[in-house]
Amino acid sequence: MITLHHLNNSRSQRILWLLEELGVEYEVKRYERDPRTSLAPASLKAVHPLGKAPVITDGNQTIAESGLIIEYLLKTYDNGRFLPAEDNAAYWQYLYWLHYAEGSLMPLLVMTLIFNKIKTAPMPFFIRPVARAIADKAINAYSGPNLKTHLAYIEDHLQKNTWFTGDTLCGADFQMIFPLEAAMHRGINPEDYPAIKAYIDAVHRMPTYQTALQKGGPYDYA
């Protein structure tokens, strides 16, 4: 049986949603972030040396990284609903968005989060203005404008497509939902991105997503 090692407020929430959609038997082992540092507990390193989530175990397989987990689950358990055939143009769209989520979009979100944390971190008063100025400059000159470019790109795509590969839910949607939820949670204006907001709302209304929330526990991004 599949075991999902699930960390609260993390990428593993999207794997819960996929497992619910697949209808496979699985169990959830929950881990809580340190309330002070927000880091994963050391006990996750007993599952995988990097101590990150999500991780699944399935028989003698231990698999980390959301994209690989999604590919493994679809190739092992999908009945053709979420994995396009390789001779279909949608297959390459699926692979593109599967890699884009973590390769292009998430680094900008993480970078912006880190710079914003620097601005509010405890530090000697005489350093604070300099640190905040550097963080603001990095956001305003790089991560902020680039994030807007990427969100505008996604907005345009979702204005033309119900899901990331067209009219049907696909593996890429399970990968893309987390960075979009994170972006919305961290303060982008939903009025600027109505198609992204509508997409997130559509996912959140799905019964399988609601069941995943119940099984995963509190999740700040939903």
N, C-alpha and C. Protein backbone atom coordinates (compact mmCIF):
# COMPACT_ATOMS: atom_id res chain seq x y z
N MET A 1 0.84 -1.20 0.00
CA MET A 1 0.00 0.00 0.00
C MET A 1 0.87 1.25 0.00
N ILE A 2 0.38 2.29 -0.64
CA ILE A 2 1.10 3.56 -0.71
C ILE A 2 1.01 4.28 0.63
N THR A 3 2.13 4.82 1.06
CA THR A 3 2.16 5.72 2.22
C THR A 3 2.65 7.08 1.74
N LEU A 4 1.87 8.10 2.01
CA LEU A 4 2.29 9.47 1.72
C LEU A 4 2.80 10.10 3.01
N HIS A 5 4.03 10.53 2.98
CA HIS A 5 4.62 11.25 4.11
C HIS A 5 4.33 12.74 3.87
N HIS A 6 3.40 13.24 4.65
CA HIS A 6 2.76 14.53 4.37
C HIS A 6 3.15 15.57 5.42
N LEU A 7 3.70 16.68 4.94
CA LEU A 7 4.07 17.81 5.79
C LEU A 7 3.01 18.89 5.65
N ASN A 8 2.57 19.44 6.77
CA ASN A 8 1.53 20.47 6.69
C ASN A 8 2.02 21.69 5.89
N ASN A 9 1.09 22.33 5.20
CA ASN A 9 1.38 23.52 4.38
C ASN A 9 2.55 23.29 3.44
N SER A 10 2.46 22.24 2.68
CA SER A 10 3.58 21.91 1.78
C SER A 10 3.06 21.38 0.45
N ARG A 11 4.00 21.10 -0.43
CA ARG A 11 3.69 20.55 -1.74
C ARG A 11 2.99 19.20 -1.66
N SER A 12 3.09 18.53 -0.54
CA SER A 12 2.49 17.19 -0.45
C SER A 12 0.96 17.23 -0.50
N GLN A 13 0.36 18.42 -0.30
CA GLN A 13 -1.09 18.51 -0.39
C GLN A 13 -1.58 18.15 -1.79
N ARG A 14 -0.81 18.53 -2.82
CA ARG A 14 -1.23 18.22 -4.19
C ARG A 14 -1.18 16.72 -4.46
N ILE A 15 -0.26 16.01 -3.77
CA ILE A 15 -0.20 14.56 -3.96
C ILE A 15 -1.40 13.89 -3.30
N LEU A 16 -1.84 14.43 -2.18
CA LEU A 16 -3.08 13.94 -1.56
C LEU A 16 -4.25 14.05 -2.52
N TRP A 17 -4.35 15.20 -3.18
CA TRP A 17 -5.44 15.40 -4.14
C TRP A 17 -5.36 14.37 -5.27
N LEU A 18 -4.16 14.15 -5.81
CA LEU A 18 -4.00 13.16 -6.88
C LEU A 18 -4.39 11.77 -6.41
N LEU A 19 -3.96 11.39 -5.22
CA LEU A 19 -4.31 10.06 -4.70
C LEU A 19 -5.82 9.90 -4.59
N GLU A 20 -6.49 10.95 -4.16
CA GLU A 20 -7.95 10.89 -4.08
C GLU A 20 -8.57 10.74 -5.47
N GLU A 21 -8.05 11.46 -6.44
CA GLU A 21 -8.58 11.35 -7.80
C GLU A 21 -8.34 9.96 -8.38
N LEU A 22 -7.20 9.38 -8.07
CA LEU A 22 -6.89 8.04 -8.58
C LEU A 22 -7.73 6.96 -7.91
N GLY A 23 -8.20 7.24 -6.71
CA GLY A 23 -9.02 6.26 -6.00
C GLY A 23 -8.25 5.05 -5.52
N VAL A 24 -6.95 5.21 -5.29
CA VAL A 24 -6.14 4.08 -4.83
C VAL A 24 -6.13 4.03 -3.30
N GLU A 25 -5.81 2.88 -2.78
CA GLU A 25 -5.70 2.73 -1.33
C GLU A 25 -4.37 3.33 -0.87
N TYR A 26 -4.42 4.15 0.15
CA TYR A 26 -3.19 4.76 0.67
C TYR A 26 -3.40 5.16 2.11
N GLU A 27 -2.29 5.42 2.79
CA GLU A 27 -2.35 5.95 4.13
C GLU A 27 -1.50 7.21 4.20
N VAL A 28 -1.81 8.06 5.16
CA VAL A 28 -1.10 9.32 5.33
C VAL A 28 -0.36 9.30 6.65
N LYS A 29 0.93 9.60 6.60
CA LYS A 29 1.70 9.82 7.82
C LYS A 29 2.01 11.31 7.88
N ARG A 30 1.48 11.98 8.88
CA ARG A 30 1.56 13.43 8.96
C ARG A 30 2.75 13.88 9.79
N TYR A 31 3.36 14.96 9.33
CA TYR A 31 4.48 15.61 10.01
C TYR A 31 4.13 17.09 10.14
N GLU A 32 4.57 17.70 11.24
CA GLU A 32 4.27 19.11 11.48
C GLU A 32 5.54 19.94 11.42
N ARG A 33 5.43 21.10 10.83
CA ARG A 33 6.56 22.03 10.77
C ARG A 33 6.88 22.57 12.16
N ASP A 34 8.13 22.91 12.38
CA ASP A 34 8.53 23.59 13.61
C ASP A 34 7.83 24.95 13.64
N PRO A 35 7.09 25.26 14.70
CA PRO A 35 6.34 26.52 14.73
C PRO A 35 7.22 27.76 14.72
N ARG A 36 8.48 27.62 15.12
CA ARG A 36 9.38 28.77 15.14
C ARG A 36 10.11 28.95 13.82
N THR A 37 10.61 27.86 13.25
CA THR A 37 11.42 27.95 12.03
C THR A 37 10.65 27.62 10.76
N SER A 38 9.50 26.98 10.90
CA SER A 38 8.70 26.49 9.76
C SER A 38 9.37 25.35 9.01
N LEU A 39 10.44 24.80 9.56
CA LEU A 39 11.15 23.71 8.90
C LEU A 39 10.49 22.36 9.21
N ALA A 40 10.74 21.40 8.32
CA ALA A 40 10.23 20.04 8.54
C ALA A 40 10.96 19.39 9.71
N PRO A 41 10.30 18.47 10.41
CA PRO A 41 10.96 17.80 11.53
C PRO A 41 12.06 16.86 11.06
N ALA A 42 13.02 16.61 11.93
CA ALA A 42 14.14 15.73 11.59
C ALA A 42 13.68 14.30 11.29
N SER A 43 12.52 13.93 11.80
CA SER A 43 12.04 12.56 11.60
C SER A 43 11.80 12.23 10.12
N LEU A 44 11.60 13.24 9.29
CA LEU A 44 11.42 12.99 7.87
C LEU A 44 12.70 12.43 7.23
N LYS A 45 13.85 12.71 7.84
CA LYS A 45 15.10 12.19 7.29
C LYS A 45 15.20 10.68 7.42
N ALA A 46 14.39 10.10 8.27
CA ALA A 46 14.37 8.64 8.36
C ALA A 46 13.68 8.03 7.14
N VAL A 47 12.89 8.85 6.44
CA VAL A 47 12.20 8.39 5.24
C VAL A 47 13.04 8.64 4.00
N HIS A 48 13.61 9.85 3.93
CA HIS A 48 14.46 10.24 2.80
C HIS A 48 15.58 11.12 3.34
N PRO A 49 16.81 10.96 2.88
CA PRO A 49 17.94 11.69 3.46
C PRO A 49 17.80 13.20 3.46
N LEU A 50 17.05 13.76 2.51
CA LEU A 50 16.90 15.22 2.46
C LEU A 50 15.87 15.74 3.45
N GLY A 51 15.05 14.86 3.99
CA GLY A 51 14.08 15.29 5.00
C GLY A 51 13.04 16.25 4.49
N LYS A 52 12.64 16.11 3.23
CA LYS A 52 11.66 17.00 2.62
C LYS A 52 10.38 16.25 2.31
N ALA A 53 9.32 17.00 2.05
CA ALA A 53 8.04 16.42 1.63
C ALA A 53 7.63 17.08 0.32
N PRO A 54 6.90 16.32 -0.52
CA PRO A 54 6.35 15.00 -0.28
C PRO A 54 7.34 13.87 -0.56
N VAL A 55 7.08 12.77 0.10
CA VAL A 55 7.73 11.49 -0.19
C VAL A 55 6.65 10.42 -0.12
N ILE A 56 6.69 9.48 -1.05
CA ILE A 56 5.81 8.32 -0.93
C ILE A 56 6.65 7.06 -0.83
N THR A 57 6.11 6.09 -0.14
CA THR A 57 6.67 4.74 -0.18
C THR A 57 5.59 3.83 -0.75
N ASP A 58 6.02 2.92 -1.61
CA ASP A 58 5.09 1.99 -2.25
C ASP A 58 5.84 0.68 -2.42
N GLY A 59 5.55 -0.28 -1.55
CA GLY A 59 6.34 -1.50 -1.54
C GLY A 59 7.76 -1.17 -1.15
N ASN A 60 8.72 -1.56 -1.99
CA ASN A 60 10.12 -1.26 -1.67
C ASN A 60 10.62 0.02 -2.34
N GLN A 61 9.69 0.77 -2.92
CA GLN A 61 10.05 2.03 -3.58
C GLN A 61 9.86 3.20 -2.62
N THR A 62 10.87 4.09 -2.58
CA THR A 62 10.75 5.36 -1.87
C THR A 62 10.99 6.46 -2.90
N ILE A 63 10.00 7.32 -3.09
CA ILE A 63 10.05 8.29 -4.18
C ILE A 63 9.82 9.68 -3.63
N ALA A 64 10.73 10.59 -3.95
CA ALA A 64 10.63 11.99 -3.56
C ALA A 64 10.48 12.85 -4.81
N GLU A 65 10.21 14.14 -4.59
CA GLU A 65 10.00 15.15 -5.63
C GLU A 65 8.61 15.01 -6.24
N SER A 66 7.85 16.10 -6.15
CA SER A 66 6.46 16.08 -6.61
C SER A 66 6.32 15.60 -8.05
N GLY A 67 7.15 16.13 -8.95
CA GLY A 67 7.01 15.76 -10.35
C GLY A 67 7.21 14.28 -10.58
N LEU A 68 8.22 13.72 -9.95
CA LEU A 68 8.48 12.28 -10.10
C LEU A 68 7.38 11.46 -9.45
N ILE A 69 6.89 11.90 -8.31
CA ILE A 69 5.79 11.19 -7.65
C ILE A 69 4.57 11.16 -8.55
N ILE A 70 4.25 12.31 -9.15
CA ILE A 70 3.10 12.37 -10.05
C ILE A 70 3.29 11.43 -11.24
N GLU A 71 4.48 11.46 -11.84
CA GLU A 71 4.74 10.57 -12.98
C GLU A 71 4.63 9.10 -12.56
N TYR A 72 5.19 8.76 -11.41
CA TYR A 72 5.14 7.38 -10.94
C TYR A 72 3.70 6.94 -10.71
N LEU A 73 2.93 7.76 -10.02
CA LEU A 73 1.55 7.38 -9.71
C LEU A 73 0.71 7.25 -10.98
N LEU A 74 0.92 8.15 -11.93
CA LEU A 74 0.14 8.07 -13.17
C LEU A 74 0.53 6.86 -13.99
N LYS A 75 1.82 6.57 -14.09
CA LYS A 75 2.26 5.44 -14.90
C LYS A 75 1.95 4.10 -14.23
N THR A 76 1.80 4.13 -12.91
CA THR A 76 1.56 2.88 -12.18
C THR A 76 0.08 2.63 -11.92
N TYR A 77 -0.68 3.70 -11.64
CA TYR A 77 -2.06 3.52 -11.17
C TYR A 77 -3.12 4.21 -12.02
N ASP A 78 -2.73 5.07 -12.94
CA ASP A 78 -3.74 5.80 -13.71
C ASP A 78 -4.39 4.88 -14.74
N ASN A 79 -5.66 5.13 -14.99
CA ASN A 79 -6.38 4.33 -15.99
C ASN A 79 -6.53 5.10 -17.30
N GLY A 80 -5.65 6.06 -17.53
CA GLY A 80 -5.71 6.85 -18.75
C GLY A 80 -6.41 8.18 -18.61
N ARG A 81 -6.89 8.49 -17.42
CA ARG A 81 -7.62 9.75 -17.24
C ARG A 81 -6.70 10.96 -17.25
N PHE A 82 -5.55 10.86 -16.60
CA PHE A 82 -4.72 12.04 -16.35
C PHE A 82 -3.37 12.05 -17.07
N LEU A 83 -3.05 10.98 -17.77
CA LEU A 83 -1.77 10.89 -18.47
C LEU A 83 -2.05 10.78 -19.97
N PRO A 84 -1.83 11.86 -20.72
CA PRO A 84 -2.09 11.80 -22.17
C PRO A 84 -1.18 10.79 -22.85
N ALA A 85 -1.67 10.23 -23.94
CA ALA A 85 -0.85 9.31 -24.72
C ALA A 85 0.33 10.05 -25.32
N GLU A 86 1.45 9.36 -25.47
CA GLU A 86 2.67 10.01 -25.93
C GLU A 86 2.58 10.50 -27.38
N ASP A 87 1.63 9.98 -28.15
CA ASP A 87 1.46 10.46 -29.52
C ASP A 87 0.45 11.60 -29.61
N ASN A 88 0.03 12.09 -28.45
CA ASN A 88 -0.93 13.20 -28.38
C ASN A 88 -0.17 14.48 -28.04
N ALA A 89 -0.51 15.57 -28.71
CA ALA A 89 0.17 16.85 -28.43
C ALA A 89 0.01 17.26 -26.98
N ALA A 90 -1.08 16.83 -26.34
CA ALA A 90 -1.30 17.17 -24.93
C ALA A 90 -0.23 16.57 -24.02
N TYR A 91 0.41 15.49 -24.48
CA TYR A 91 1.45 14.86 -23.66
C TYR A 91 2.60 15.83 -23.42
N TRP A 92 2.98 16.57 -24.45
CA TRP A 92 4.10 17.49 -24.31
C TRP A 92 3.70 18.71 -23.50
N GLN A 93 2.44 19.12 -23.58
CA GLN A 93 1.95 20.18 -22.70
C GLN A 93 1.97 19.71 -21.25
N TYR A 94 1.56 18.47 -21.03
CA TYR A 94 1.60 17.89 -19.68
C TYR A 94 3.01 17.92 -19.11
N LEU A 95 3.98 17.46 -19.91
CA LEU A 95 5.37 17.45 -19.43
C LEU A 95 5.89 18.86 -19.22
N TYR A 96 5.53 19.77 -20.10
CA TYR A 96 6.00 21.15 -19.97
C TYR A 96 5.56 21.75 -18.64
N TRP A 97 4.26 21.71 -18.36
CA TRP A 97 3.77 22.32 -17.12
C TRP A 97 4.25 21.56 -15.89
N LEU A 98 4.43 20.24 -16.02
CA LEU A 98 4.96 19.45 -14.90
C LEU A 98 6.33 19.96 -14.49
N HIS A 99 7.17 20.30 -15.45
CA HIS A 99 8.52 20.80 -15.16
C HIS A 99 8.52 22.31 -14.88
N TYR A 100 7.65 23.03 -15.55
CA TYR A 100 7.60 24.49 -15.38
C TYR A 100 7.28 24.88 -13.94
N ALA A 101 6.38 24.15 -13.30
CA ALA A 101 5.92 24.51 -11.95
C ALA A 101 7.08 24.68 -10.98
N GLU A 102 7.99 23.71 -10.97
CA GLU A 102 9.11 23.76 -10.03
C GLU A 102 10.36 24.37 -10.64
N GLY A 103 10.49 24.31 -11.97
CA GLY A 103 11.70 24.82 -12.60
C GLY A 103 11.69 26.31 -12.84
N SER A 104 10.51 26.90 -13.06
CA SER A 104 10.42 28.32 -13.39
C SER A 104 9.62 29.13 -12.38
N LEU A 105 8.44 28.63 -12.00
CA LEU A 105 7.55 29.44 -11.16
C LEU A 105 7.93 29.42 -9.69
N MET A 106 8.15 28.23 -9.13
CA MET A 106 8.42 28.16 -7.70
C MET A 106 9.68 28.89 -7.27
N PRO A 107 10.78 28.87 -8.04
CA PRO A 107 11.96 29.63 -7.60
C PRO A 107 11.67 31.11 -7.38
N LEU A 108 10.83 31.70 -8.21
CA LEU A 108 10.48 33.12 -8.04
C LEU A 108 9.65 33.33 -6.78
N LEU A 109 8.74 32.41 -6.50
CA LEU A 109 7.93 32.53 -5.29
C LEU A 109 8.78 32.36 -4.04
N VAL A 110 9.68 31.39 -4.07
CA VAL A 110 10.56 31.16 -2.91
C VAL A 110 11.48 32.35 -2.70
N MET A 111 12.03 32.87 -3.78
CA MET A 111 12.92 34.02 -3.69
C MET A 111 12.21 35.23 -3.07
N THR A 112 11.00 35.49 -3.54
CA THR A 112 10.23 36.61 -3.00
C THR A 112 9.90 36.39 -1.53
N LEU A 113 9.56 35.15 -1.17
CA LEU A 113 9.27 34.84 0.23
C LEU A 113 10.49 35.09 1.11
N ILE A 114 11.66 34.67 0.66
CA ILE A 114 12.88 34.85 1.45
C ILE A 114 13.19 36.34 1.63
N PHE A 115 13.09 37.11 0.56
CA PHE A 115 13.36 38.54 0.67
C PHE A 115 12.38 39.22 1.62
N ASN A 116 11.12 38.82 1.57
CA ASN A 116 10.13 39.41 2.49
C ASN A 116 10.40 39.00 3.93
N LYS A 117 10.91 37.78 4.14
CA LYS A 117 11.26 37.36 5.50
C LYS A 117 12.45 38.15 6.03
N ILE A 118 13.39 38.46 5.14
CA ILE A 118 14.53 39.28 5.56
C ILE A 118 14.05 40.63 6.08
N LYS A 119 13.05 41.19 5.43
CA LYS A 119 12.55 42.52 5.81
C LYS A 119 11.94 42.52 7.21
N THR A 120 11.40 41.38 7.64
CA THR A 120 10.73 41.33 8.94
C THR A 120 11.52 40.55 9.99
N ALA A 121 12.70 40.05 9.64
CA ALA A 121 13.49 39.24 10.58
C ALA A 121 14.07 40.11 11.69
N PRO A 122 14.20 39.54 12.90
CA PRO A 122 14.86 40.28 13.99
C PRO A 122 16.32 40.57 13.63
N MET A 123 16.75 41.78 13.87
CA MET A 123 18.14 42.17 13.58
C MET A 123 18.44 43.46 14.31
N PRO A 124 19.72 43.78 14.52
CA PRO A 124 20.07 45.04 15.17
C PRO A 124 19.47 46.22 14.40
N PHE A 125 19.02 47.22 15.14
CA PHE A 125 18.29 48.33 14.52
C PHE A 125 19.10 49.05 13.46
N PHE A 126 20.42 49.10 13.64
CA PHE A 126 21.25 49.85 12.69
C PHE A 126 21.47 49.09 11.38
N ILE A 127 21.19 47.78 11.39
CA ILE A 127 21.30 46.98 10.17
C ILE A 127 19.98 46.94 9.41
N ARG A 128 18.88 47.10 10.15
CA ARG A 128 17.55 46.92 9.57
C ARG A 128 17.31 47.76 8.31
N PRO A 129 17.60 49.05 8.29
CA PRO A 129 17.33 49.83 7.08
C PRO A 129 18.10 49.33 5.86
N VAL A 130 19.34 48.92 6.08
CA VAL A 130 20.16 48.43 4.96
C VAL A 130 19.60 47.10 4.44
N ALA A 131 19.29 46.19 5.36
CA ALA A 131 18.77 44.87 4.95
C ALA A 131 17.45 45.01 4.22
N ARG A 132 16.58 45.88 4.73
CA ARG A 132 15.28 46.07 4.08
C ARG A 132 15.44 46.72 2.71
N ALA A 133 16.37 47.65 2.60
CA ALA A 133 16.60 48.30 1.30
C ALA A 133 17.11 47.30 0.27
N ILE A 134 18.02 46.41 0.69
CA ILE A 134 18.54 45.40 -0.23
C ILE A 134 17.43 44.44 -0.65
N ALA A 135 16.62 44.00 0.32
CA ALA A 135 15.53 43.08 0.01
C ALA A 135 14.51 43.73 -0.92
N ASP A 136 14.16 44.98 -0.64
CA ASP A 136 13.21 45.69 -1.51
C ASP A 136 13.75 45.83 -2.93
N LYS A 137 15.03 46.15 -3.03
CA LYS A 137 15.63 46.31 -4.36
C LYS A 137 15.61 45.00 -5.13
N ALA A 138 15.91 43.90 -4.44
CA ALA A 138 15.90 42.60 -5.10
C ALA A 138 14.50 42.23 -5.59
N ILE A 139 13.50 42.52 -4.75
CA ILE A 139 12.11 42.23 -5.14
C ILE A 139 11.69 43.12 -6.31
N ASN A 140 11.95 44.42 -6.17
CA ASN A 140 11.48 45.38 -7.18
C ASN A 140 12.21 45.25 -8.51
N ALA A 141 13.49 44.85 -8.44
CA ALA A 141 14.28 44.79 -9.67
C ALA A 141 14.24 43.42 -10.35
N TYR A 142 14.02 42.35 -9.56
CA TYR A 142 14.12 41.03 -10.17
C TYR A 142 12.90 40.13 -9.92
N SER A 143 12.73 39.69 -8.69
CA SER A 143 11.72 38.65 -8.46
C SER A 143 10.31 39.16 -8.72
N GLY A 144 10.03 40.40 -8.31
CA GLY A 144 8.69 40.95 -8.51
C GLY A 144 8.30 41.06 -9.98
N PRO A 145 9.09 41.75 -10.81
CA PRO A 145 8.76 41.86 -12.23
C PRO A 145 8.71 40.50 -12.94
N ASN A 146 9.64 39.62 -12.61
CA ASN A 146 9.63 38.30 -13.25
C ASN A 146 8.42 37.49 -12.85
N LEU A 147 8.02 37.58 -11.58
CA LEU A 147 6.83 36.87 -11.14
C LEU A 147 5.59 37.38 -11.88
N LYS A 148 5.50 38.69 -12.05
CA LYS A 148 4.36 39.26 -12.78
C LYS A 148 4.33 38.76 -14.22
N THR A 149 5.50 38.66 -14.84
CA THR A 149 5.57 38.14 -16.21
C THR A 149 5.05 36.71 -16.28
N HIS A 150 5.46 35.88 -15.33
CA HIS A 150 5.03 34.48 -15.33
C HIS A 150 3.54 34.36 -15.03
N LEU A 151 3.05 35.14 -14.09
CA LEU A 151 1.62 35.07 -13.76
C LEU A 151 0.77 35.55 -14.93
N ALA A 152 1.24 36.57 -15.64
CA ALA A 152 0.51 37.03 -16.83
C ALA A 152 0.48 35.94 -17.90
N TYR A 153 1.57 35.23 -18.03
CA TYR A 153 1.67 34.12 -18.99
C TYR A 153 0.67 33.02 -18.63
N ILE A 154 0.60 32.66 -17.36
CA ILE A 154 -0.33 31.62 -16.90
C ILE A 154 -1.77 32.12 -17.04
N GLU A 155 -2.00 33.38 -16.69
CA GLU A 155 -3.34 33.96 -16.83
C GLU A 155 -3.83 33.85 -18.27
N ASP A 156 -2.98 34.20 -19.21
CA ASP A 156 -3.35 34.12 -20.62
C ASP A 156 -3.66 32.68 -21.02
N HIS A 157 -2.87 31.73 -20.53
CA HIS A 157 -3.10 30.32 -20.86
C HIS A 157 -4.44 29.85 -20.30
N LEU A 158 -4.75 30.23 -19.07
CA LEU A 158 -5.99 29.76 -18.44
C LEU A 158 -7.22 30.49 -18.95
N GLN A 159 -7.03 31.64 -19.56
CA GLN A 159 -8.16 32.29 -20.22
C GLN A 159 -8.60 31.51 -21.45
N LYS A 160 -7.68 30.72 -22.01
CA LYS A 160 -7.96 29.97 -23.23
C LYS A 160 -8.21 28.49 -22.98
N ASN A 161 -7.91 28.02 -21.77
CA ASN A 161 -8.01 26.60 -21.45
C ASN A 161 -8.64 26.41 -20.08
N THR A 162 -9.50 25.41 -19.96
CA THR A 162 -10.11 25.10 -18.66
C THR A 162 -9.07 24.54 -17.70
N TRP A 163 -8.23 23.63 -18.23
CA TRP A 163 -7.17 23.00 -17.46
C TRP A 163 -5.85 23.22 -18.20
N PHE A 164 -4.75 22.79 -17.62
CA PHE A 164 -3.47 23.16 -18.20
C PHE A 164 -3.16 22.49 -19.53
N THR A 165 -3.79 21.36 -19.82
CA THR A 165 -3.57 20.76 -21.14
C THR A 165 -4.82 20.83 -22.01
N GLY A 166 -5.78 21.65 -21.63
CA GLY A 166 -6.96 21.80 -22.47
C GLY A 166 -8.25 21.68 -21.68
N ASP A 167 -9.14 20.82 -22.16
CA ASP A 167 -10.48 20.73 -21.59
C ASP A 167 -10.62 19.69 -20.50
N THR A 168 -9.60 18.89 -20.27
CA THR A 168 -9.71 17.83 -19.27
C THR A 168 -8.59 17.93 -18.23
N LEU A 169 -8.94 17.57 -17.01
CA LEU A 169 -7.96 17.53 -15.92
C LEU A 169 -6.84 16.56 -16.27
N CYS A 170 -5.61 16.95 -15.96
CA CYS A 170 -4.46 16.13 -16.34
C CYS A 170 -3.40 16.21 -15.25
N GLY A 171 -2.37 15.38 -15.36
CA GLY A 171 -1.32 15.33 -14.35
C GLY A 171 -0.69 16.67 -14.05
N ALA A 172 -0.60 17.54 -15.05
CA ALA A 172 0.02 18.85 -14.84
C ALA A 172 -0.76 19.71 -13.86
N ASP A 173 -2.07 19.52 -13.81
CA ASP A 173 -2.88 20.33 -12.89
C ASP A 173 -2.54 20.04 -11.43
N PHE A 174 -2.22 18.79 -11.14
CA PHE A 174 -1.85 18.45 -9.76
C PHE A 174 -0.53 19.11 -9.38
N GLN A 175 0.33 19.32 -10.36
CA GLN A 175 1.62 19.97 -10.10
C GLN A 175 1.47 21.49 -9.99
N MET A 176 0.64 22.06 -10.83
CA MET A 176 0.54 23.53 -10.90
C MET A 176 -0.29 24.14 -9.79
N ILE A 177 -1.16 23.38 -9.17
CA ILE A 177 -2.06 24.00 -8.19
C ILE A 177 -1.30 24.60 -7.01
N PHE A 178 -0.25 23.95 -6.53
CA PHE A 178 0.43 24.46 -5.33
C PHE A 178 1.07 25.83 -5.54
N PRO A 179 1.88 26.04 -6.59
CA PRO A 179 2.47 27.37 -6.75
C PRO A 179 1.42 28.46 -6.96
N LEU A 180 0.31 28.13 -7.61
CA LEU A 180 -0.73 29.14 -7.80
C LEU A 180 -1.43 29.46 -6.48
N GLU A 181 -1.69 28.44 -5.68
CA GLU A 181 -2.25 28.68 -4.34
C GLU A 181 -1.29 29.53 -3.51
N ALA A 182 0.00 29.19 -3.58
CA ALA A 182 1.00 29.93 -2.80
C ALA A 182 1.07 31.38 -3.24
N ALA A 183 1.03 31.62 -4.55
CA ALA A 183 1.07 33.00 -5.05
C ALA A 183 -0.13 33.79 -4.56
N MET A 184 -1.31 33.18 -4.61
CA MET A 184 -2.52 33.88 -4.16
C MET A 184 -2.46 34.13 -2.66
N HIS A 185 -1.97 33.16 -1.92
CA HIS A 185 -1.88 33.30 -0.46
C HIS A 185 -0.90 34.40 -0.06
N ARG A 186 0.13 34.58 -0.87
CA ARG A 186 1.18 35.54 -0.51
C ARG A 186 0.92 36.94 -1.05
N GLY A 187 -0.29 37.18 -1.53
CA GLY A 187 -0.67 38.56 -1.73
C GLY A 187 -0.87 39.08 -3.13
N ILE A 188 -0.85 38.22 -4.17
CA ILE A 188 -1.17 38.77 -5.48
C ILE A 188 -2.65 39.15 -5.50
N ASN A 189 -2.97 40.15 -6.27
CA ASN A 189 -4.34 40.65 -6.33
C ASN A 189 -5.16 39.75 -7.25
N PRO A 190 -6.17 39.05 -6.72
CA PRO A 190 -6.96 38.16 -7.59
C PRO A 190 -7.67 38.90 -8.71
N GLU A 191 -7.93 40.19 -8.53
CA GLU A 191 -8.58 40.96 -9.59
C GLU A 191 -7.67 41.13 -10.80
N ASP A 192 -6.36 41.03 -10.58
CA ASP A 192 -5.41 41.13 -11.69
C ASP A 192 -5.31 39.82 -12.47
N TYR A 193 -5.74 38.73 -11.85
CA TYR A 193 -5.58 37.40 -12.46
C TYR A 193 -6.88 36.60 -12.31
N PRO A 194 -7.97 37.06 -12.94
CA PRO A 194 -9.26 36.39 -12.73
C PRO A 194 -9.29 34.94 -13.20
N ALA A 195 -8.56 34.62 -14.26
CA ALA A 195 -8.57 33.23 -14.75
C ALA A 195 -7.83 32.31 -13.77
N ILE A 196 -6.74 32.79 -13.20
CA ILE A 196 -6.03 32.01 -12.18
C ILE A 196 -6.92 31.81 -10.96
N LYS A 197 -7.58 32.87 -10.54
CA LYS A 197 -8.48 32.77 -9.37
C LYS A 197 -9.61 31.78 -9.66
N ALA A 198 -10.20 31.85 -10.86
CA ALA A 198 -11.28 30.94 -11.20
C ALA A 198 -10.79 29.49 -11.25
N TYR A 199 -9.58 29.30 -11.74
CA TYR A 199 -8.99 27.96 -11.80
C TYR A 199 -8.81 27.39 -10.39
N ILE A 200 -8.23 28.17 -9.50
CA ILE A 200 -8.02 27.72 -8.12
C ILE A 200 -9.36 27.41 -7.46
N ASP A 201 -10.34 28.28 -7.66
CA ASP A 201 -11.66 28.07 -7.06
C ASP A 201 -12.29 26.78 -7.58
N ALA A 202 -12.12 26.50 -8.88
CA ALA A 202 -12.69 25.28 -9.46
C ALA A 202 -12.06 24.04 -8.83
N VAL A 203 -10.75 24.08 -8.62
CA VAL A 203 -10.08 22.95 -7.96
C VAL A 203 -10.59 22.79 -6.54
N HIS A 204 -10.69 23.90 -5.83
CA HIS A 204 -11.09 23.84 -4.42
C HIS A 204 -12.52 23.33 -4.23
N ARG A 205 -13.35 23.46 -5.25
CA ARG A 205 -14.73 22.96 -5.15
C ARG A 205 -14.83 21.46 -5.40
N MET A 206 -13.79 20.86 -5.92
CA MET A 206 -13.86 19.44 -6.28
C MET A 206 -13.96 18.56 -5.03
N PRO A 207 -14.87 17.59 -5.01
CA PRO A 207 -15.01 16.72 -3.84
C PRO A 207 -13.70 16.02 -3.46
N THR A 208 -12.92 15.61 -4.45
CA THR A 208 -11.66 14.93 -4.14
C THR A 208 -10.68 15.87 -3.45
N TYR A 209 -10.70 17.13 -3.84
CA TYR A 209 -9.81 18.10 -3.20
C TYR A 209 -10.25 18.32 -1.76
N GLN A 210 -11.56 18.41 -1.54
CA GLN A 210 -12.07 18.61 -0.19
C GLN A 210 -11.74 17.42 0.71
N THR A 211 -11.83 16.21 0.16
CA THR A 211 -11.45 15.02 0.93
C THR A 211 -9.97 15.04 1.26
N ALA A 212 -9.15 15.48 0.30
CA ALA A 212 -7.71 15.58 0.54
C ALA A 212 -7.41 16.56 1.66
N LEU A 213 -8.15 17.65 1.72
CA LEU A 213 -7.97 18.62 2.81
C LEU A 213 -8.30 17.99 4.16
N GLN A 214 -9.37 17.23 4.20
CA GLN A 214 -9.76 16.58 5.46
C GLN A 214 -8.69 15.60 5.93
N LYS A 215 -8.11 14.87 4.99
CA LYS A 215 -7.11 13.88 5.37
C LYS A 215 -5.75 14.50 5.68
N GLY A 216 -5.47 15.64 5.06
CA GLY A 216 -4.16 16.26 5.25
C GLY A 216 -4.07 17.18 6.45
N GLY A 217 -5.22 17.63 6.94
CA GLY A 217 -5.19 18.55 8.07
C GLY A 217 -5.10 20.00 7.63
N PRO A 218 -4.94 20.93 8.57
CA PRO A 218 -4.95 22.36 8.25
C PRO A 218 -3.98 22.71 7.12
N TYR A 219 -4.48 23.54 6.20
CA TYR A 219 -3.71 23.92 5.01
C TYR A 219 -4.02 25.39 4.73
N ASP A 220 -3.04 26.23 4.93
CA ASP A 220 -3.27 27.67 4.88
C ASP A 220 -3.61 28.19 3.49
N TYR A 221 -3.30 27.42 2.45
CA TYR A 221 -3.43 27.95 1.09
C TYR A 221 -4.80 27.68 0.46
N ALA A 222 -5.68 26.99 1.16
CA ALA A 222 -6.99 26.68 0.59
C ALA A 222 -8.09 27.52 1.24
